[in-house]
Amino acid sequence: MRITVDKWRDFCQEFAGFFQHINGSLECTDEQVTFRSPVNRVSTHLSVFRNGEFSATMPLHGIDSKISEAIFNVQEKSVQLLGEAVDYTYRVPSELQSK
């Protein structure tokens, strides 16, 4: 599912739906949506802000940039974040794929 950040309510619903069966916590506000893994599991998070900025961390790297849209791929358990200067794919670690 491809969705733009400027459709914030729809974006948050898609984000929440994508992560609903992933082991971790979800926080949605008027300004940001965040997935965070449990502290006793693999350390990872993905936050997207209403203005398009995002932050992601995985065990071996982290990234901060700005996007205009995202593609949520439920089958591949990935979120592709797309912007003028970025094409980043966040992949859910297999350790988190069952709640």
PDB file of N, CA and C in Angstrom:
ATOM      1  N   MET A   1       0.851  -1.174   0.000  1.00  0.00           N
ATOM      2  CA  MET A   1       0.000   0.000   0.000  1.00  0.00           C
ATOM      3  C   MET A   1       0.896   1.237   0.000  1.00  0.00           C
ATOM      4  N   ARG A   2       0.742   2.078  -0.999  1.00  0.00           N
ATOM      5  CA  ARG A   2       1.497   3.332  -1.103  1.00  0.00           C
ATOM      6  C   ARG A   2       0.629   4.449  -0.541  1.00  0.00           C
ATOM      7  N   ILE A   3       1.207   5.273   0.325  1.00  0.00           N
ATOM      8  CA  ILE A   3       0.446   6.372   0.926  1.00  0.00           C
ATOM      9  C   ILE A   3       1.365   7.554   1.198  1.00  0.00           C
ATOM     10  N   THR A   4       0.853   8.756   1.005  1.00  0.00           N
ATOM     11  CA  THR A   4       1.652   9.957   1.231  1.00  0.00           C
ATOM     12  C   THR A   4       1.509  10.429   2.675  1.00  0.00           C
ATOM     13  N   VAL A   5       2.556  11.072   3.157  1.00  0.00           N
ATOM     14  CA  VAL A   5       2.572  11.582   4.528  1.00  0.00           C
ATOM     15  C   VAL A   5       1.572  12.718   4.700  1.00  0.00           C
ATOM     16  N   ASP A   6       1.294  13.459   3.632  1.00  0.00           N
ATOM     17  CA  ASP A   6       0.364  14.586   3.776  1.00  0.00           C
ATOM     18  C   ASP A   6      -1.079  14.137   4.042  1.00  0.00           C
ATOM     19  N   LYS A   7      -1.367  12.870   3.862  1.00  0.00           N
ATOM     20  CA  LYS A   7      -2.655  12.294   4.285  1.00  0.00           C
ATOM     21  C   LYS A   7      -2.420  11.638   5.645  1.00  0.00           C
ATOM     22  N   TRP A   8      -2.123  12.464   6.650  1.00  0.00           N
ATOM     23  CA  TRP A   8      -1.594  12.012   7.932  1.00  0.00           C
ATOM     24  C   TRP A   8      -2.468  10.974   8.625  1.00  0.00           C
ATOM     25  N   ARG A   9      -3.750  11.202   8.708  1.00  0.00           N
ATOM     26  CA  ARG A   9      -4.627  10.248   9.401  1.00  0.00           C
ATOM     27  C   ARG A   9      -4.575   8.878   8.717  1.00  0.00           C
ATOM     28  N   ASP A  10      -4.660   8.866   7.401  1.00  0.00           N
ATOM     29  CA  ASP A  10      -4.584   7.607   6.654  1.00  0.00           C
ATOM     30  C   ASP A  10      -3.205   6.968   6.807  1.00  0.00           C
ATOM     31  N   PHE A  11      -2.166   7.812   6.786  1.00  0.00           N
ATOM     32  CA  PHE A  11      -0.802   7.312   6.955  1.00  0.00           C
ATOM     33  C   PHE A  11      -0.664   6.604   8.298  1.00  0.00           C
ATOM     34  N   CYS A  12      -1.153   7.228   9.364  1.00  0.00           N
ATOM     35  CA  CYS A  12      -1.066   6.637  10.706  1.00  0.00           C
ATOM     36  C   CYS A  12      -1.842   5.330  10.792  1.00  0.00           C
ATOM     37  N   GLN A  13      -3.009   5.276  10.171  1.00  0.00           N
ATOM     38  CA  GLN A  13      -3.800   4.040  10.179  1.00  0.00           C
ATOM     39  C   GLN A  13      -3.069   2.921   9.450  1.00  0.00           C
ATOM     40  N   GLU A  14      -2.455   3.236   8.335  1.00  0.00           N
ATOM     41  CA  GLU A  14      -1.709   2.224   7.584  1.00  0.00           C
ATOM     42  C   GLU A  14      -0.491   1.760   8.373  1.00  0.00           C
ATOM     43  N   PHE A  15       0.223   2.693   8.993  1.00  0.00           N
ATOM     44  CA  PHE A  15       1.389   2.383   9.820  1.00  0.00           C
ATOM     45  C   PHE A  15       0.975   1.453  10.955  1.00  0.00           C
ATOM     46  N   ALA A  16      -0.087   1.807  11.668  1.00  0.00           N
ATOM     47  CA  ALA A  16      -0.570   1.002  12.799  1.00  0.00           C
ATOM     48  C   ALA A  16      -1.015  -0.379  12.332  1.00  0.00           C
ATOM     49  N   GLY A  17      -1.707  -0.447  11.211  1.00  0.00           N
ATOM     50  CA  GLY A  17      -2.136  -1.737  10.685  1.00  0.00           C
ATOM     51  C   GLY A  17      -0.964  -2.621  10.307  1.00  0.00           C
ATOM     52  N   PHE A  18       0.070  -2.017   9.736  1.00  0.00           N
ATOM     53  CA  PHE A  18       1.257  -2.774   9.343  1.00  0.00           C
ATOM     54  C   PHE A  18       1.937  -3.399  10.560  1.00  0.00           C
ATOM     55  N   PHE A  19       2.060  -2.636  11.640  1.00  0.00           N
ATOM     56  CA  PHE A  19       2.797  -3.108  12.813  1.00  0.00           C
ATOM     57  C   PHE A  19       1.929  -3.830  13.848  1.00  0.00           C
ATOM     58  N   GLN A  20       0.628  -3.985  13.612  1.00  0.00           N
ATOM     59  CA  GLN A  20      -0.247  -4.564  14.627  1.00  0.00           C
ATOM     60  C   GLN A  20       0.113  -5.995  15.014  1.00  0.00           C
ATOM     61  N   HIS A  21       0.710  -6.769  14.116  1.00  0.00           N
ATOM     62  CA  HIS A  21       1.067  -8.152  14.427  1.00  0.00           C
ATOM     63  C   HIS A  21       2.571  -8.330  14.638  1.00  0.00           C
ATOM     64  N   ILE A  22       3.266  -7.223  14.850  1.00  0.00           N
ATOM     65  CA  ILE A  22       4.709  -7.253  15.091  1.00  0.00           C
ATOM     66  C   ILE A  22       4.941  -7.056  16.584  1.00  0.00           C
ATOM     67  N   ASN A  23       5.889  -7.811  17.134  1.00  0.00           N
ATOM     68  CA  ASN A  23       6.183  -7.743  18.562  1.00  0.00           C
ATOM     69  C   ASN A  23       6.860  -6.409  18.884  1.00  0.00           C
ATOM     70  N   GLY A  24       6.147  -5.528  19.574  1.00  0.00           N
ATOM     71  CA  GLY A  24       6.677  -4.217  19.936  1.00  0.00           C
ATOM     72  C   GLY A  24       5.558  -3.291  20.343  1.00  0.00           C
ATOM     73  N   SER A  25       5.890  -2.014  20.518  1.00  0.00           N
ATOM     74  CA  SER A  25       4.880  -1.035  20.924  1.00  0.00           C
ATOM     75  C   SER A  25       4.693   0.000  19.824  1.00  0.00           C
ATOM     76  N   LEU A  26       3.496   0.562  19.798  1.00  0.00           N
ATOM     77  CA  LEU A  26       3.132   1.541  18.793  1.00  0.00           C
ATOM     78  C   LEU A  26       2.614   2.781  19.488  1.00  0.00           C
ATOM     79  N   GLU A  27       3.082   3.949  19.041  1.00  0.00           N
ATOM     80  CA  GLU A  27       2.613   5.221  19.584  1.00  0.00           C
ATOM     81  C   GLU A  27       2.198   6.112  18.418  1.00  0.00           C
ATOM     82  N   CYS A  28       0.965   6.594  18.457  1.00  0.00           N
ATOM     83  CA  CYS A  28       0.457   7.486  17.415  1.00  0.00           C
ATOM     84  C   CYS A  28      -0.004   8.779  18.061  1.00  0.00           C
ATOM     85  N   THR A  29       0.488   9.907  17.559  1.00  0.00           N
ATOM     86  CA  THR A  29       0.044  11.215  18.033  1.00  0.00           C
ATOM     87  C   THR A  29      -0.302  12.067  16.815  1.00  0.00           C
ATOM     88  N   ASP A  30      -0.698  13.304  17.064  1.00  0.00           N
ATOM     89  CA  ASP A  30      -0.983  14.221  15.958  1.00  0.00           C
ATOM     90  C   ASP A  30       0.274  14.594  15.176  1.00  0.00           C
ATOM     91  N   GLU A  31       1.449  14.390  15.774  1.00  0.00           N
ATOM     92  CA  GLU A  31       2.701  14.819  15.143  1.00  0.00           C
ATOM     93  C   GLU A  31       3.631  13.691  14.721  1.00  0.00           C
ATOM     94  N   GLN A  32       3.465  12.487  15.277  1.00  0.00           N
ATOM     95  CA  GLN A  32       4.369  11.397  14.913  1.00  0.00           C
ATOM     96  C   GLN A  32       3.719  10.047  15.157  1.00  0.00           C
ATOM     97  N   VAL A  33       4.258   9.047  14.473  1.00  0.00           N
ATOM     98  CA  VAL A  33       3.870   7.660  14.689  1.00  0.00           C
ATOM     99  C   VAL A  33       5.166   6.872  14.834  1.00  0.00           C
ATOM    100  N   THR A  34       5.218   6.004  15.861  1.00  0.00           N
ATOM    101  CA  THR A  34       6.456   5.300  16.180  1.00  0.00           C
ATOM    102  C   THR A  34       6.187   3.836  16.495  1.00  0.00           C
ATOM    103  N   PHE A  35       7.024   2.969  15.932  1.00  0.00           N
ATOM    104  CA  PHE A  35       7.084   1.568  16.339  1.00  0.00           C
ATOM    105  C   PHE A  35       8.402   1.386  17.062  1.00  0.00           C
ATOM    106  N   ARG A  36       8.367   0.672  18.183  1.00  0.00           N
ATOM    107  CA  ARG A  36       9.581   0.406  18.959  1.00  0.00           C
ATOM    108  C   ARG A  36       9.554  -1.051  19.405  1.00  0.00           C
ATOM    109  N   SER A  37      10.668  -1.750  19.238  1.00  0.00           N
ATOM    110  CA  SER A  37      10.755  -3.146  19.657  1.00  0.00           C
ATOM    111  C   SER A  37      10.853  -3.243  21.176  1.00  0.00           C
ATOM    112  N   PRO A  38      10.496  -4.403  21.745  1.00  0.00           N
ATOM    113  CA  PRO A  38      10.658  -4.589  23.191  1.00  0.00           C
ATOM    114  C   PRO A  38      12.138  -4.499  23.574  1.00  0.00           C
ATOM    115  N   VAL A  39      12.409  -4.008  24.768  1.00  0.00           N
ATOM    116  CA  VAL A  39      13.805  -3.815  25.191  1.00  0.00           C
ATOM    117  C   VAL A  39      14.568  -5.127  25.305  1.00  0.00           C
ATOM    118  N   ASN A  40      13.878  -6.232  25.504  1.00  0.00           N
ATOM    119  CA  ASN A  40      14.561  -7.519  25.662  1.00  0.00           C
ATOM    120  C   ASN A  40      14.713  -8.269  24.335  1.00  0.00           C
ATOM    121  N   ARG A  41      14.369  -7.632  23.221  1.00  0.00           N
ATOM    122  CA  ARG A  41      14.488  -8.242  21.899  1.00  0.00           C
ATOM    123  C   ARG A  41      15.484  -7.438  21.075  1.00  0.00           C
ATOM    124  N   VAL A  42      15.561  -7.710  19.792  1.00  0.00           N
ATOM    125  CA  VAL A  42      16.438  -6.958  18.897  1.00  0.00           C
ATOM    126  C   VAL A  42      16.051  -5.474  18.966  1.00  0.00           C
ATOM    127  N   SER A  43      17.041  -4.605  19.071  1.00  0.00           N
ATOM    128  CA  SER A  43      16.789  -3.172  19.254  1.00  0.00           C
ATOM    129  C   SER A  43      16.538  -2.489  17.910  1.00  0.00           C
ATOM    130  N   THR A  44      15.315  -1.982  17.732  1.00  0.00           N
ATOM    131  CA  THR A  44      14.955  -1.301  16.494  1.00  0.00           C
ATOM    132  C   THR A  44      13.782  -0.367  16.732  1.00  0.00           C
ATOM    133  N   HIS A  45      13.699   0.667  15.923  1.00  0.00           N
ATOM    134  CA  HIS A  45      12.526   1.547  15.958  1.00  0.00           C
ATOM    135  C   HIS A  45      12.370   2.229  14.602  1.00  0.00           C
ATOM    136  N   LEU A  46      11.148   2.684  14.354  1.00  0.00           N
ATOM    137  CA  LEU A  46      10.856   3.486  13.176  1.00  0.00           C
ATOM    138  C   LEU A  46       9.873   4.561  13.592  1.00  0.00           C
ATOM    139  N   SER A  47      10.247   5.826  13.391  1.00  0.00           N
ATOM    140  CA  SER A  47       9.377   6.965  13.684  1.00  0.00           C
ATOM    141  C   SER A  47       9.220   7.796  12.422  1.00  0.00           C
ATOM    142  N   VAL A  48       7.977   8.188  12.126  1.00  0.00           N
ATOM    143  CA  VAL A  48       7.701   9.101  11.020  1.00  0.00           C
ATOM    144  C   VAL A  48       6.935  10.278  11.601  1.00  0.00           C
ATOM    145  N   PHE A  49       7.390  11.482  11.254  1.00  0.00           N
ATOM    146  CA  PHE A  49       6.775  12.703  11.753  1.00  0.00           C
ATOM    147  C   PHE A  49       5.867  13.298  10.688  1.00  0.00           C
ATOM    148  N   ARG A  50       4.894  14.036  11.128  1.00  0.00           N
ATOM    149  CA  ARG A  50       3.888  14.627  10.241  1.00  0.00           C
ATOM    150  C   ARG A  50       4.512  15.475   9.125  1.00  0.00           C
ATOM    151  N   ASN A  51       5.661  16.112   9.403  1.00  0.00           N
ATOM    152  CA  ASN A  51       6.323  16.950   8.394  1.00  0.00           C
ATOM    153  C   ASN A  51       7.165  16.136   7.411  1.00  0.00           C
ATOM    154  N   GLY A  52       7.147  14.803   7.542  1.00  0.00           N
ATOM    155  CA  GLY A  52       7.876  13.936   6.625  1.00  0.00           C
ATOM    156  C   GLY A  52       9.224  13.474   7.128  1.00  0.00           C
ATOM    157  N   GLU A  53       9.733  14.069   8.179  1.00  0.00           N
ATOM    158  CA  GLU A  53      11.004  13.602   8.721  1.00  0.00           C
ATOM    159  C   GLU A  53      10.798  12.207   9.304  1.00  0.00           C
ATOM    160  N   PHE A  54      11.856  11.390   9.249  1.00  0.00           N
ATOM    161  CA  PHE A  54      11.767  10.074   9.869  1.00  0.00           C
ATOM    162  C   PHE A  54      13.094   9.701  10.491  1.00  0.00           C
ATOM    163  N   SER A  55      13.015   8.753  11.399  1.00  0.00           N
ATOM    164  CA  SER A  55      14.181   8.224  12.085  1.00  0.00           C
ATOM    165  C   SER A  55      13.996   6.716  12.184  1.00  0.00           C
ATOM    166  N   ALA A  56      15.058   5.976  11.881  1.00  0.00           N
ATOM    167  CA  ALA A  56      15.004   4.520  11.978  1.00  0.00           C
ATOM    168  C   ALA A  56      16.321   4.010  12.526  1.00  0.00           C
ATOM    169  N   THR A  57      16.243   2.996  13.347  1.00  0.00           N
ATOM    170  CA  THR A  57      17.452   2.332  13.821  1.00  0.00           C
ATOM    171  C   THR A  57      17.279   0.831  13.679  1.00  0.00           C
ATOM    172  N   MET A  58      18.385   0.193  13.366  1.00  0.00           N
ATOM    173  CA  MET A  58      18.488  -1.259  13.309  1.00  0.00           C
ATOM    174  C   MET A  58      19.756  -1.596  14.091  1.00  0.00           C
ATOM    175  N   PRO A  59      19.997  -2.867  14.368  1.00  0.00           N
ATOM    176  CA  PRO A  59      21.173  -3.208  15.172  1.00  0.00           C
ATOM    177  C   PRO A  59      22.499  -2.648  14.653  1.00  0.00           C
ATOM    178  N   LEU A  60      22.677  -2.520  13.353  1.00  0.00           N
ATOM    179  CA  LEU A  60      23.975  -2.079  12.831  1.00  0.00           C
ATOM    180  C   LEU A  60      23.966  -0.712  12.165  1.00  0.00           C
ATOM    181  N   HIS A  61      22.832  -0.023  12.163  1.00  0.00           N
ATOM    182  CA  HIS A  61      22.809   1.298  11.527  1.00  0.00           C
ATOM    183  C   HIS A  61      21.614   2.116  11.994  1.00  0.00           C
ATOM    184  N   GLY A  62      21.649   3.383  11.646  1.00  0.00           N
ATOM    185  CA  GLY A  62      20.539   4.294  11.900  1.00  0.00           C
ATOM    186  C   GLY A  62      20.484   5.306  10.769  1.00  0.00           C
ATOM    187  N   ILE A  63      19.322   5.935  10.591  1.00  0.00           N
ATOM    188  CA  ILE A  63      19.164   6.924   9.527  1.00  0.00           C
ATOM    189  C   ILE A  63      18.132   7.954   9.955  1.00  0.00           C
ATOM    190  N   ASP A  64      18.359   9.185   9.549  1.00  0.00           N
ATOM    191  CA  ASP A  64      17.404  10.281   9.711  1.00  0.00           C
ATOM    192  C   ASP A  64      17.326  10.984   8.368  1.00  0.00           C
ATOM    193  N   SER A  65      16.117  11.211   7.869  1.00  0.00           N
ATOM    194  CA  SER A  65      15.950  11.888   6.589  1.00  0.00           C
ATOM    195  C   SER A  65      14.526  12.407   6.487  1.00  0.00           C
ATOM    196  N   LYS A  66      14.101  12.766   5.287  1.00  0.00           N
ATOM    197  CA  LYS A  66      12.757  13.299   5.072  1.00  0.00           C
ATOM    198  C   LYS A  66      12.118  12.589   3.886  1.00  0.00           C
ATOM    199  N   ILE A  67      10.835  12.231   4.045  1.00  0.00           N
ATOM    200  CA  ILE A  67      10.118  11.500   3.010  1.00  0.00           C
ATOM    201  C   ILE A  67       8.844  12.233   2.606  1.00  0.00           C
ATOM    202  N   SER A  68       8.289  11.801   1.492  1.00  0.00           N
ATOM    203  CA  SER A  68       6.972  12.293   1.078  1.00  0.00           C
ATOM    204  C   SER A  68       5.944  11.171   1.063  1.00  0.00           C
ATOM    205  N   GLU A  69       6.418   9.924   0.957  1.00  0.00           N
ATOM    206  CA  GLU A  69       5.496   8.795   0.935  1.00  0.00           C
ATOM    207  C   GLU A  69       6.177   7.520   1.410  1.00  0.00           C
ATOM    208  N   ALA A  70       5.343   6.503   1.655  1.00  0.00           N
ATOM    209  CA  ALA A  70       5.846   5.204   2.086  1.00  0.00           C
ATOM    210  C   ALA A  70       5.052   4.112   1.391  1.00  0.00           C
ATOM    211  N   ILE A  71       5.712   2.970   1.204  1.00  0.00           N
ATOM    212  CA  ILE A  71       5.051   1.787   0.664  1.00  0.00           C
ATOM    213  C   ILE A  71       5.140   0.707   1.731  1.00  0.00           C
ATOM    214  N   PHE A  72       3.981   0.280   2.241  1.00  0.00           N
ATOM    215  CA  PHE A  72       3.908  -0.758   3.262  1.00  0.00           C
ATOM    216  C   PHE A  72       3.697  -2.098   2.565  1.00  0.00           C
ATOM    217  N   ASN A  73       4.638  -3.024   2.729  1.00  0.00           N
ATOM    218  CA  ASN A  73       4.552  -4.340   2.106  1.00  0.00           C
ATOM    219  C   ASN A  73       4.388  -5.384   3.205  1.00  0.00           C
ATOM    220  N   VAL A  74       3.152  -5.801   3.437  1.00  0.00           N
ATOM    221  CA  VAL A  74       2.840  -6.738   4.520  1.00  0.00           C
ATOM    222  C   VAL A  74       3.491  -8.092   4.279  1.00  0.00           C
ATOM    223  N   GLN A  75       3.473  -8.578   3.050  1.00  0.00           N
ATOM    224  CA  GLN A  75       4.048  -9.893   2.755  1.00  0.00           C
ATOM    225  C   GLN A  75       5.543  -9.939   3.047  1.00  0.00           C
ATOM    226  N   GLU A  76       6.249  -8.895   2.672  1.00  0.00           N
ATOM    227  CA  GLU A  76       7.700  -8.862   2.881  1.00  0.00           C
ATOM    228  C   GLU A  76       8.089  -8.270   4.227  1.00  0.00           C
ATOM    229  N   LYS A  77       7.109  -7.806   5.002  1.00  0.00           N
ATOM    230  CA  LYS A  77       7.357  -7.172   6.305  1.00  0.00           C
ATOM    231  C   LYS A  77       8.370  -6.035   6.157  1.00  0.00           C
ATOM    232  N   SER A  78       8.086  -5.137   5.198  1.00  0.00           N
ATOM    233  CA  SER A  78       8.991  -4.014   4.958  1.00  0.00           C
ATOM    234  C   SER A  78       8.197  -2.742   4.699  1.00  0.00           C
ATOM    235  N   VAL A  79       8.847  -1.615   4.986  1.00  0.00           N
ATOM    236  CA  VAL A  79       8.291  -0.299   4.697  1.00  0.00           C
ATOM    237  C   VAL A  79       9.344   0.450   3.889  1.00  0.00           C
ATOM    238  N   GLN A  80       9.005   0.811   2.663  1.00  0.00           N
ATOM    239  CA  GLN A  80       9.912   1.586   1.824  1.00  0.00           C
ATOM    240  C   GLN A  80       9.568   3.054   2.001  1.00  0.00           C
ATOM    241  N   LEU A  81      10.534   3.848   2.441  1.00  0.00           N
ATOM    242  CA  LEU A  81      10.355   5.273   2.714  1.00  0.00           C
ATOM    243  C   LEU A  81      10.995   6.063   1.576  1.00  0.00           C
ATOM    244  N   LEU A  82      10.172   6.885   0.905  1.00  0.00           N
ATOM    245  CA  LEU A  82      10.616   7.566  -0.305  1.00  0.00           C
ATOM    246  C   LEU A  82      10.520   9.076  -0.170  1.00  0.00           C
ATOM    247  N   GLY A  83      11.589   9.753  -0.550  1.00  0.00           N
ATOM    248  CA  GLY A  83      11.625  11.209  -0.546  1.00  0.00           C
ATOM    249  C   GLY A  83      12.507  11.702  -1.671  1.00  0.00           C
ATOM    250  N   GLU A  84      12.652  13.011  -1.749  1.00  0.00           N
ATOM    251  CA  GLU A  84      13.449  13.611  -2.814  1.00  0.00           C
ATOM    252  C   GLU A  84      14.889  13.104  -2.809  1.00  0.00           C
ATOM    253  N   ALA A  85      15.453  12.907  -1.621  1.00  0.00           N
ATOM    254  CA  ALA A  85      16.855  12.511  -1.520  1.00  0.00           C
ATOM    255  C   ALA A  85      17.048  11.166  -0.825  1.00  0.00           C
ATOM    256  N   VAL A  86      15.970  10.379  -0.676  1.00  0.00           N
ATOM    257  CA  VAL A  86      16.111   9.127   0.060  1.00  0.00           C
ATOM    258  C   VAL A  86      15.169   8.057  -0.490  1.00  0.00           C
ATOM    259  N   ASP A  87      15.671   6.834  -0.489  1.00  0.00           N
ATOM    260  CA  ASP A  87      14.886   5.629  -0.774  1.00  0.00           C
ATOM    261  C   ASP A  87      15.410   4.590   0.203  1.00  0.00           C
ATOM    262  N   TYR A  88      14.753   4.473   1.349  1.00  0.00           N
ATOM    263  CA  TYR A  88      15.213   3.611   2.435  1.00  0.00           C
ATOM    264  C   TYR A  88      14.153   2.554   2.715  1.00  0.00           C
ATOM    265  N   THR A  89      14.584   1.317   2.890  1.00  0.00           N
ATOM    266  CA  THR A  89      13.651   0.243   3.219  1.00  0.00           C
ATOM    267  C   THR A  89      13.920  -0.258   4.627  1.00  0.00           C
ATOM    268  N   TYR A  90      12.888  -0.140   5.471  1.00  0.00           N
ATOM    269  CA  TYR A  90      12.928  -0.669   6.835  1.00  0.00           C
ATOM    270  C   TYR A  90      12.352  -2.080   6.779  1.00  0.00           C
ATOM    271  N   ARG A  91      13.150  -3.065   7.197  1.00  0.00           N
ATOM    272  CA  ARG A  91      12.696  -4.453   7.224  1.00  0.00           C
ATOM    273  C   ARG A  91      12.534  -4.896   8.673  1.00  0.00           C
ATOM    274  N   VAL A  92      11.368  -5.446   8.976  1.00  0.00           N
ATOM    275  CA  VAL A  92      11.100  -5.923  10.331  1.00  0.00           C
ATOM    276  C   VAL A  92      11.966  -7.152  10.588  1.00  0.00           C
ATOM    277  N   PRO A  93      12.780  -7.132  11.654  1.00  0.00           N
ATOM    278  CA  PRO A  93      13.602  -8.301  11.972  1.00  0.00           C
ATOM    279  C   PRO A  93      12.728  -9.534  12.230  1.00  0.00           C
ATOM    280  N   SER A  94      13.199 -10.691  11.792  1.00  0.00           N
ATOM    281  CA  SER A  94      12.422 -11.930  11.947  1.00  0.00           C
ATOM    282  C   SER A  94      12.108 -12.224  13.410  1.00  0.00           C
ATOM    283  N   GLU A  95      12.967 -11.789  14.325  1.00  0.00           N
ATOM    284  CA  GLU A  95      12.747 -12.023  15.759  1.00  0.00           C
ATOM    285  C   GLU A  95      11.487 -11.335  16.274  1.00  0.00           C
ATOM    286  N   LEU A  96      10.979 -10.349  15.553  1.00  0.00           N
ATOM    287  CA  LEU A  96       9.810  -9.581  15.994  1.00  0.00           C
ATOM    288  C   LEU A  96       8.535  -9.940  15.235  1.00  0.00           C
ATOM    289  N   GLN A  97       8.612 -10.859  14.310  1.00  0.00           N
ATOM    290  CA  GLN A  97       7.489 -11.092  13.416  1.00  0.00           C
ATOM    291  C   GLN A  97       6.354 -11.926  13.987  1.00  0.00           C
ATOM    292  N   SER A  98       6.442 -12.357  15.221  1.00  0.00           N
ATOM    293  CA  SER A  98       5.300 -13.038  15.842  1.00  0.00           C
ATOM    294  C   SER A  98       5.080 -12.446  17.216  1.00  0.00           C
ATOM    295  N   LYS A  99       3.867 -12.005  17.455  1.00  0.00           N
ATOM    296  CA  LYS A  99       3.521 -11.381  18.737  1.00  0.00           C
ATOM    297  C   LYS A  99       3.319 -12.414  19.803  1.00  0.00           C
TER     298      LYS A  99
END
